[in-house]
Amino acid sequence: MARAAPHGNNQPPKIVIVKKITIAGGGHHGGAWKVAYADFVTAMMAFFLLLWLLGATTEKQRKGIADYFAPTLIDKKVLGLGGSGVLGGESILSNNKLGPKAAAAPIASIGIPMSQSGGERSGTGDKGSLRNPTAMETDKKTFEAIKRELEKQIAGSARLAKLASHIRFVPTQDGLRIDLVDDADYSMFALGTTALDSKASELIGMIAGTIAGTPNTIMIRGHTDSVPYGDPRAMNNWMLSSGRAEATRRRLALGGIPESRFERIEGVADREPIVTDDPGDPRNRRVAITLLYRKGSFGQ
């Protein structure tokens, strides 16, 4: 804006420039801080949500959540997937793709089995298993001879002849199982204890003498009925079945069976009853001595 010069003065008029500064966004009343505050509140909400998850979940659940978000990398060379070519062993038209673009494939599946159930002899095939077919045939003949010999000895013993109905020979996938079974009239062990009856001890000694010359390893499993104890903390069927299996092992060892031949000693309580309709039936109390098939090597 120019101001008029004084009268009679030839000096040029002075020019005064007035600058008006407009602050965009209203200065400290603008909205930029609101965005930062919203981010802060979101971060705090996520933090408190994390604290709540840590306090409201179990260790197993937290591990599942962590595994869900953990990246999974597939080493194709270790797993034997694909090949070493440009496409990793896949056709250019294949729908099953591996690598960074696997998600773009219509079908991203790896090794889906055609059948999810095995056959009757699943895991016991001749090739690729630890079973030696030649040795198995020899063992079967040996087991038959042991069965006949024990039946003959029991029948010829005036003291043990009455126990003939308490011994059973059951061919299984693992070998020959010899069951020593109780009933309502006779028990191999004193009731609720691991103390062998004298006749049962003599019978197990007879079994030891018959199988002493065989190379087969031995598995012993103890079974009980479902009758509970008054105080399961002091004694229960798991302890009783395991103790009876161990008592049987000791008696076999006294009969000449070396320690190296015992492969597994276990108790299963009342979980595998013979009389399934009545778990409390005394016939469910038994000890199973299994002569196992000899093991070979892969591919034999």
Foldseek 3Di string as FASTA:
>chain_A
DWDDDDPPDPDGTDDDDDDDDDDPQRVVNGCPVVVVVVVVVVVVVVVVVVVVCVVPDDPVVVVVVVVVPDDDDDDCVVVVFAPDDPQRNDDPPDLAGDDPCRVVRPDPDDDDDPDDDDDPCPQPDCFFHQAPVVLVVVQVVLLVVLVVVLLVVQCPDPLRVVQPVQWDWDQDPFAIKIKRFDAPVDDQADPPALHGDPNNLVSLLVSLVSCLPPPFAKEKEWEFFQDFDPDVVVPGQQVRRQSNQVSSVVSSVVSPHDPVRHDYGGYDYLPDAPPVVHSRGRRRGIMMMGGGGDTHDHGD
